[in-house]
Amino acid sequence: MYEKQADPFYATKAWKRVRRLRMQMDHGMCCECMAEFERGERLKPMRATVVHHIKHLSDRPDLALDLDNLRSLCDLHHAREHPEKGGQGRAAAKSPAPEGIRIIKV
């Protein structure tokens, strides 16, 4: 199972500034949800929670702060971009249970 490790890069002022700018450019909305919404595949787009590197930071550190290499995503779409990390994101966890199944949180 994937174990998340914090990368010091994500705590830098430069990253926080670029992340904020990318979120503003995408109006705080998930780019994938918006594309699905525009194609009529989604009724309501989700707000973005993550700024994702299109070309991964580990592969292309030179593009770490390049706005064209970043996109705002919701948890669900970010999890789909990283299947190696397991899970399906918080948005998937909130999906309704199949009919006849009752989920009780303890």
Protein backbone atom coordinates (compact mmCIF):
# COMPACT_ATOMS: atom_id res chain seq x y z
CA MET A 1 0.00 0.00 0.00
CA TYR A 2 1.16 3.53 -0.76
CA GLU A 3 2.39 5.52 2.23
CA LYS A 4 2.25 9.29 1.79
CA GLN A 5 5.43 11.16 2.52
CA ALA A 6 5.58 14.92 2.69
CA ASP A 7 7.86 16.53 0.12
CA PRO A 8 9.51 19.69 1.51
CA PHE A 9 8.88 21.36 -1.87
CA TYR A 10 5.17 21.69 -1.04
CA ALA A 11 5.96 23.82 2.02
CA THR A 12 7.94 26.45 0.07
CA LYS A 13 6.67 29.98 -0.47
CA ALA A 14 7.22 29.63 -4.22
CA TRP A 15 4.95 26.55 -4.42
CA LYS A 16 2.25 28.13 -2.25
CA ARG A 17 2.27 31.24 -4.45
CA VAL A 18 2.08 29.28 -7.72
CA ARG A 19 -0.56 26.93 -6.30
CA ARG A 20 -2.73 29.88 -5.27
CA LEU A 21 -2.32 31.47 -8.71
CA ARG A 22 -3.25 28.22 -10.54
CA MET A 23 -6.36 27.86 -8.34
CA GLN A 24 -7.33 31.45 -9.15
CA MET A 25 -6.79 30.86 -12.87
CA ASP A 26 -9.09 27.81 -12.70
CA HIS A 27 -11.64 29.76 -10.61
CA GLY A 28 -11.24 27.22 -7.80
CA MET A 29 -12.93 24.52 -9.89
CA CYS A 30 -11.69 21.05 -10.90
CA CYS A 31 -10.54 21.15 -14.53
CA GLU A 32 -11.69 17.57 -15.18
CA CYS A 33 -15.14 18.18 -13.64
CA MET A 34 -15.51 21.32 -15.74
CA ALA A 35 -14.60 19.42 -18.93
CA GLU A 36 -17.15 16.71 -18.06
CA PHE A 37 -19.75 19.39 -17.28
CA GLU A 38 -19.16 21.11 -20.63
CA ARG A 39 -19.56 17.77 -22.44
CA GLY A 40 -22.85 17.18 -20.59
CA GLU A 41 -21.41 14.23 -18.64
CA ARG A 42 -21.73 15.88 -15.23
CA LEU A 43 -24.56 17.89 -13.68
CA LYS A 44 -22.46 19.82 -11.19
CA PRO A 45 -18.68 20.37 -11.22
CA MET A 46 -16.70 20.00 -7.99
CA ARG A 47 -14.44 22.55 -6.36
CA ALA A 48 -10.71 21.87 -6.66
CA THR A 49 -8.78 20.78 -3.60
CA VAL A 50 -5.42 19.92 -5.20
CA VAL A 51 -3.08 21.45 -7.75
CA HIS A 52 -1.69 18.57 -9.80
CA HIS A 53 1.56 18.42 -11.76
CA ILE A 54 0.72 17.14 -15.26
CA LYS A 55 4.32 16.04 -15.76
CA HIS A 56 5.17 14.66 -12.35
CA LEU A 57 7.49 16.55 -10.07
CA SER A 58 9.81 13.53 -9.71
CA ASP A 59 10.14 13.22 -13.50
CA ARG A 60 10.37 16.92 -14.38
CA PRO A 61 11.53 19.03 -11.42
CA ASP A 62 12.33 21.81 -13.90
CA LEU A 63 8.56 22.23 -14.46
CA ALA A 64 7.67 22.28 -10.75
CA LEU A 65 6.54 25.92 -10.84
CA ASP A 66 5.43 26.12 -14.48
CA LEU A 67 1.76 27.17 -14.58
CA ASP A 68 1.26 25.32 -17.86
CA ASN A 69 2.26 22.08 -16.10
CA LEU A 70 -0.33 22.52 -13.34
CA ARG A 71 -4.08 21.99 -13.14
CA SER A 72 -6.60 22.22 -10.35
CA LEU A 73 -8.38 18.97 -9.50
CA CYS A 74 -10.92 17.64 -6.99
CA ASP A 75 -9.93 14.71 -4.77
CA LEU A 76 -11.66 12.16 -7.00
CA HIS A 77 -9.93 13.23 -10.21
CA HIS A 78 -6.57 13.60 -8.44
CA ALA A 79 -6.90 10.03 -7.11
CA ARG A 80 -7.61 8.85 -10.67
CA GLU A 81 -4.38 10.53 -11.80
CA HIS A 82 -2.48 8.55 -9.14
CA PRO A 83 -3.85 4.98 -9.01
CA GLU A 84 -0.51 3.88 -7.57
CA LYS A 85 -1.43 5.71 -4.36
CA GLY A 86 -4.58 3.64 -3.89
CA GLY A 87 -7.93 4.96 -2.75
CA GLN A 88 -10.44 6.86 -4.80
CA GLY A 89 -10.46 10.22 -3.06
CA ARG A 90 -12.89 11.76 -0.59
CA ALA A 91 -15.43 12.52 -3.32
CA ALA A 92 -15.79 8.82 -4.16
CA ALA A 93 -16.20 7.96 -0.49
CA LYS A 94 -19.24 10.26 -0.36
CA SER A 95 -21.03 8.50 -3.22
CA PRO A 96 -24.33 6.88 -2.27
CA ALA A 97 -24.34 3.25 -1.18
CA PRO A 98 -25.87 0.69 -3.53
CA GLU A 99 -29.56 0.08 -2.94
CA GLY A 100 -30.25 -2.32 -0.09
CA ILE A 101 -26.97 -1.64 1.69
CA ARG A 102 -26.94 0.51 4.78
CA ILE A 103 -23.70 2.04 5.99
CA ILE A 104 -23.40 2.81 9.68
CA LYS A 105 -20.47 4.88 10.87
CA VAL A 106 -19.21 4.02 14.36
